[in-house]
Each structure stands twice: as C-alpha cells, then as structure tokens.
PDB file of N, CA and C in Angstrom:
ATOM      1  N   MET A   1     -83.409 110.092 165.923  1.00  0.00           N
ATOM      2  CA  MET A   1     -82.588 111.150 165.330  1.00  0.00           C
ATOM      3  C   MET A   1     -81.662 110.577 164.244  1.00  0.00           C
ATOM      4  N   GLU A   2     -81.126 109.398 164.478  1.00  0.00           N
ATOM      5  CA  GLU A   2     -80.204 108.815 163.499  1.00  0.00           C
ATOM      6  C   GLU A   2     -80.926 108.495 162.193  1.00  0.00           C
ATOM      7  N   GLN A   3     -82.157 108.045 162.296  1.00  0.00           N
ATOM      8  CA  GLN A   3     -82.901 107.726 161.074  1.00  0.00           C
ATOM      9  C   GLN A   3     -83.158 108.986 160.251  1.00  0.00           C
ATOM     10  N   GLU A   4     -83.485 110.084 160.905  1.00  0.00           N
ATOM     11  CA  GLU A   4     -83.730 111.331 160.182  1.00  0.00           C
ATOM     12  C   GLU A   4     -82.453 111.819 159.491  1.00  0.00           C
ATOM     13  N   GLU A   5     -81.310 111.682 160.140  1.00  0.00           N
ATOM     14  CA  GLU A   5     -80.052 112.108 159.538  1.00  0.00           C
ATOM     15  C   GLU A   5     -79.708 111.251 158.329  1.00  0.00           C
ATOM     16  N   LEU A   6     -80.080 109.974 158.368  1.00  0.00           N
ATOM     17  CA  LEU A   6     -79.797 109.101 157.231  1.00  0.00           C
ATOM     18  C   LEU A   6     -80.758 109.374 156.080  1.00  0.00           C
ATOM     19  N   ARG A   7     -81.949 109.841 156.357  1.00  0.00           N
ATOM     20  CA  ARG A   7     -82.939 110.055 155.298  1.00  0.00           C
ATOM     21  C   ARG A   7     -82.642 111.318 154.489  1.00  0.00           C
ATOM     22  N   LEU A   8     -82.080 112.340 155.099  1.00  0.00           N
ATOM     23  CA  LEU A   8     -81.869 113.602 154.380  1.00  0.00           C
ATOM     24  C   LEU A   8     -80.916 113.461 153.182  1.00  0.00           C
ATOM     25  N   PRO A   9     -79.763 112.806 153.303  1.00  0.00           N
ATOM     26  CA  PRO A   9     -78.897 112.660 152.119  1.00  0.00           C
ATOM     27  C   PRO A   9     -79.570 111.830 151.020  1.00  0.00           C
ATOM     28  N   LEU A  10     -80.380 110.846 151.385  1.00  0.00           N
ATOM     29  CA  LEU A  10     -81.050 110.035 150.370  1.00  0.00           C
ATOM     30  C   LEU A  10     -82.034 110.894 149.586  1.00  0.00           C
ATOM     31  N   LYS A  11     -82.728 111.796 150.248  1.00  0.00           N
ATOM     32  CA  LYS A  11     -83.661 112.682 149.537  1.00  0.00           C
ATOM     33  C   LYS A  11     -82.902 113.614 148.590  1.00  0.00           C
ATOM     34  N   GLN A  12     -81.736 114.084 149.002  1.00  0.00           N
ATOM     35  CA  GLN A  12     -80.954 114.968 148.136  1.00  0.00           C
ATOM     36  C   GLN A  12     -80.446 114.217 146.912  1.00  0.00           C
ATOM     37  N   ASP A  13     -80.035 112.963 147.092  1.00  0.00           N
ATOM     38  CA  ASP A  13     -79.550 112.173 145.959  1.00  0.00           C
ATOM     39  C   ASP A  13     -80.677 111.915 144.961  1.00  0.00           C
ATOM     40  N   THR A  14     -81.841 111.538 145.452  1.00  0.00           N
ATOM     41  CA  THR A  14     -82.956 111.246 144.546  1.00  0.00           C
ATOM     42  C   THR A  14     -83.431 112.524 143.873  1.00  0.00           C
ATOM     43  N   ALA A  15     -83.280 113.666 144.524  1.00  0.00           N
ATOM     44  CA  ALA A  15     -83.698 114.926 143.910  1.00  0.00           C
ATOM     45  C   ALA A  15     -82.681 115.384 142.864  1.00  0.00           C
ATOM     46  N   ALA A  16     -81.394 115.050 143.062  1.00  0.00           N
ATOM     47  CA  ALA A  16     -80.361 115.508 142.132  1.00  0.00           C
ATOM     48  C   ALA A  16     -80.349 114.652 140.868  1.00  0.00           C
ATOM     49  N   ARG A  17     -80.636 113.368 140.979  1.00  0.00           N
ATOM     50  CA  ARG A  17     -80.547 112.500 139.807  1.00  0.00           C
ATOM     51  C   ARG A  17     -81.558 112.866 138.720  1.00  0.00           C
ATOM     52  N   PRO A  18     -82.835 113.077 139.033  1.00  0.00           N
ATOM     53  CA  PRO A  18     -83.758 113.481 137.956  1.00  0.00           C
ATOM     54  C   PRO A  18     -83.422 114.860 137.393  1.00  0.00           C
ATOM     55  N   ALA A  19     -82.876 115.746 138.220  1.00  0.00           N
ATOM     56  CA  ALA A  19     -82.528 117.084 137.734  1.00  0.00           C
ATOM     57  C   ALA A  19     -81.430 116.981 136.677  1.00  0.00           C
ATOM     58  N   GLU A  20     -80.444 116.130 136.912  1.00  0.00           N
ATOM     59  CA  GLU A  20     -79.371 115.969 135.925  1.00  0.00           C
ATOM     60  C   GLU A  20     -79.918 115.348 134.651  1.00  0.00           C
ATOM     61  N   GLY A  21     -80.841 114.405 134.784  1.00  0.00           N
ATOM     62  CA  GLY A  21     -81.444 113.798 133.609  1.00  0.00           C
ATOM     63  C   GLY A  21     -82.249 114.817 132.818  1.00  0.00           C
ATOM     64  N   ASN A  22     -82.953 115.709 133.511  1.00  0.00           N
ATOM     65  CA  ASN A  22     -83.744 116.724 132.824  1.00  0.00           C
ATOM     66  C   ASN A  22     -82.841 117.721 132.105  1.00  0.00           C
ATOM     67  N   ILE A  23     -81.713 118.045 132.710  1.00  0.00           N
ATOM     68  CA  ILE A  23     -80.777 118.975 132.067  1.00  0.00           C
ATOM     69  C   ILE A  23     -80.218 118.337 130.799  1.00  0.00           C
ATOM     70  N   ALA A  24     -79.843 117.070 130.881  1.00  0.00           N
ATOM     71  CA  ALA A  24     -79.292 116.384 129.710  1.00  0.00           C
ATOM     72  C   ALA A  24     -80.348 116.297 128.605  1.00  0.00           C
ATOM     73  N   ALA A  25     -81.568 115.958 128.979  1.00  0.00           N
ATOM     74  CA  ALA A  25     -82.635 115.867 127.980  1.00  0.00           C
ATOM     75  C   ALA A  25     -82.907 117.239 127.377  1.00  0.00           C
ATOM     76  N   GLY A  26     -82.860 118.276 128.200  1.00  0.00           N
ATOM     77  CA  GLY A  26     -83.083 119.625 127.694  1.00  0.00           C
ATOM     78  C   GLY A  26     -82.006 120.056 126.714  1.00  0.00           C
ATOM     79  N   LEU A  27     -80.754 119.674 127.000  1.00  0.00           N
ATOM     80  CA  LEU A  27     -79.676 120.010 126.067  1.00  0.00           C
ATOM     81  C   LEU A  27     -79.857 119.284 124.744  1.00  0.00           C
ATOM     82  N   VAL A  28     -80.252 118.013 124.801  1.00  0.00           N
ATOM     83  CA  VAL A  28     -80.447 117.245 123.566  1.00  0.00           C
ATOM     84  C   VAL A  28     -81.564 117.863 122.743  1.00  0.00           C
ATOM     85  N   TRP A  29     -82.701 118.149 123.378  1.00  0.00           N
ATOM     86  CA  TRP A  29     -83.819 118.759 122.641  1.00  0.00           C
ATOM     87  C   TRP A  29     -83.443 120.147 122.133  1.00  0.00           C
ATOM     88  N   GLY A  30     -82.689 120.905 122.917  1.00  0.00           N
ATOM     89  CA  GLY A  30     -82.279 122.236 122.480  1.00  0.00           C
ATOM     90  C   GLY A  30     -81.410 122.179 121.235  1.00  0.00           C
ATOM     91  N   VAL A  31     -80.490 121.217 121.171  1.00  0.00           N
ATOM     92  CA  VAL A  31     -79.639 121.071 119.988  1.00  0.00           C
ATOM     93  C   VAL A  31     -80.478 120.633 118.788  1.00  0.00           C
ATOM     94  N   LEU A  32     -81.359 119.665 118.999  1.00  0.00           N
ATOM     95  CA  LEU A  32     -82.185 119.170 117.882  1.00  0.00           C
ATOM     96  C   LEU A  32     -83.082 120.277 117.329  1.00  0.00           C
ATOM     97  N   ILE A  33     -83.587 121.138 118.202  1.00  0.00           N
ATOM     98  CA  ILE A  33     -84.468 122.218 117.740  1.00  0.00           C
ATOM     99  C   ILE A  33     -83.658 123.339 117.104  1.00  0.00           C
ATOM    100  N   SER A  34     -82.464 123.614 117.620  1.00  0.00           N
ATOM    101  CA  SER A  34     -81.699 124.769 117.136  1.00  0.00           C
ATOM    102  C   SER A  34     -81.079 124.520 115.765  1.00  0.00           C
ATOM    103  N   ILE A  35     -80.782 123.267 115.420  1.00  0.00           N
ATOM    104  CA  ILE A  35     -80.152 122.998 114.118  1.00  0.00           C
ATOM    105  C   ILE A  35     -81.043 123.454 112.960  1.00  0.00           C
ATOM    106  N   PRO A  36     -82.326 123.063 112.875  1.00  0.00           N
ATOM    107  CA  PRO A  36     -83.166 123.571 111.779  1.00  0.00           C
ATOM    108  C   PRO A  36     -83.340 125.088 111.831  1.00  0.00           C
ATOM    109  N   LEU A  37     -83.360 125.668 113.020  1.00  0.00           N
ATOM    110  CA  LEU A  37     -83.499 127.127 113.116  1.00  0.00           C
ATOM    111  C   LEU A  37     -82.285 127.822 112.508  1.00  0.00           C
ATOM    112  N   TRP A  38     -81.073 127.327 112.798  1.00  0.00           N
ATOM    113  CA  TRP A  38     -79.873 127.935 112.228  1.00  0.00           C
ATOM    114  C   TRP A  38     -79.847 127.743 110.711  1.00  0.00           C
ATOM    115  N   ILE A  39     -80.288 126.569 110.229  1.00  0.00           N
ATOM    116  CA  ILE A  39     -80.317 126.343 108.775  1.00  0.00           C
ATOM    117  C   ILE A  39     -81.277 127.329 108.116  1.00  0.00           C
ATOM    118  N   SER A  40     -82.431 127.542 108.747  1.00  0.00           N
ATOM    119  CA  SER A  40     -83.397 128.469 108.158  1.00  0.00           C
ATOM    120  C   SER A  40     -82.877 129.903 108.201  1.00  0.00           C
ATOM    121  N   VAL A  41     -82.177 130.273 109.274  1.00  0.00           N
ATOM    122  CA  VAL A  41     -81.620 131.633 109.360  1.00  0.00           C
ATOM    123  C   VAL A  41     -80.559 131.836 108.286  1.00  0.00           C
ATOM    124  N   ILE A  42     -79.699 130.842 108.096  1.00  0.00           N
ATOM    125  CA  ILE A  42     -78.660 130.958 107.067  1.00  0.00           C
ATOM    126  C   ILE A  42     -79.302 131.045 105.681  1.00  0.00           C
ATOM    127  N   GLY A  43     -80.328 130.232 105.452  1.00  0.00           N
ATOM    128  CA  GLY A  43     -81.028 130.297 104.154  1.00  0.00           C
ATOM    129  C   GLY A  43     -81.704 131.636 103.957  1.00  0.00           C
ATOM    130  N   TRP A  44     -82.265 132.204 105.018  1.00  0.00           N
ATOM    131  CA  TRP A  44     -82.933 133.501 104.906  1.00  0.00           C
ATOM    132  C   TRP A  44     -81.912 134.594 104.594  1.00  0.00           C
ATOM    133  N   ILE A  45     -80.736 134.536 105.246  1.00  0.00           N
ATOM    134  CA  ILE A  45     -79.693 135.542 104.974  1.00  0.00           C
ATOM    135  C   ILE A  45     -79.173 135.391 103.541  1.00  0.00           C
ATOM    136  N   MET A  46     -78.976 134.163 103.090  1.00  0.00           N
ATOM    137  CA  MET A  46     -78.504 133.939 101.714  1.00  0.00           C
ATOM    138  C   MET A  46     -79.550 134.444 100.706  1.00  0.00           C
ATOM    139  N   GLY A  47     -80.828 134.314 101.065  1.00  0.00           N
ATOM    140  CA  GLY A  47     -81.884 134.811 100.173  1.00  0.00           C
ATOM    141  C   GLY A  47     -81.861 136.323 100.062  1.00  0.00           C
ATOM    142  N   ILE A  48     -81.482 137.017 101.142  1.00  0.00           N
ATOM    143  CA  ILE A  48     -81.433 138.482 101.101  1.00  0.00           C
ATOM    144  C   ILE A  48     -80.269 138.940 100.198  1.00  0.00           C
ATOM    145  N   TRP A  49     -79.112 138.259 100.313  1.00  0.00           N
ATOM    146  CA  TRP A  49     -77.955 138.665  99.519  1.00  0.00           C
ATOM    147  C   TRP A  49     -78.200 138.446  98.030  1.00  0.00           C
ATOM    148  N   ARG A  50     -79.074 137.501  97.683  1.00  0.00           N
ATOM    149  CA  ARG A  50     -79.366 137.262  96.267  1.00  0.00           C
ATOM    150  C   ARG A  50     -80.526 138.113  95.878  1.00  0.00           C
TER     151      ARG A  50
END
C-alpha cells in the first residue's frame, strides 16, 4: 500500500511537467503566428482607406 501511495504523486508530477511545457510552446507559437496576421490585417485595413 505504501508503494502505491508514493507512486501516485510521481505520476501527477510527470503528467504536469509536459503539460506546462506544451502550454509554453503553444503560447510562443501563437505569438509568432499572430504577429504576421496582425500586420496583414493592418495592411488590409490601410488599403481599404486608400
């Protein structure tokens, strides 16, 4: 019983660490992708006003 109780927190820690890494990577990719999209939207709006 003691071994099972010790294993459960270790599984939660190993499951939480990759999740945090995936969230951080997702934020980085989201920012990198959104910057050109915002530039293109601003250029498209400026093109309409002209």
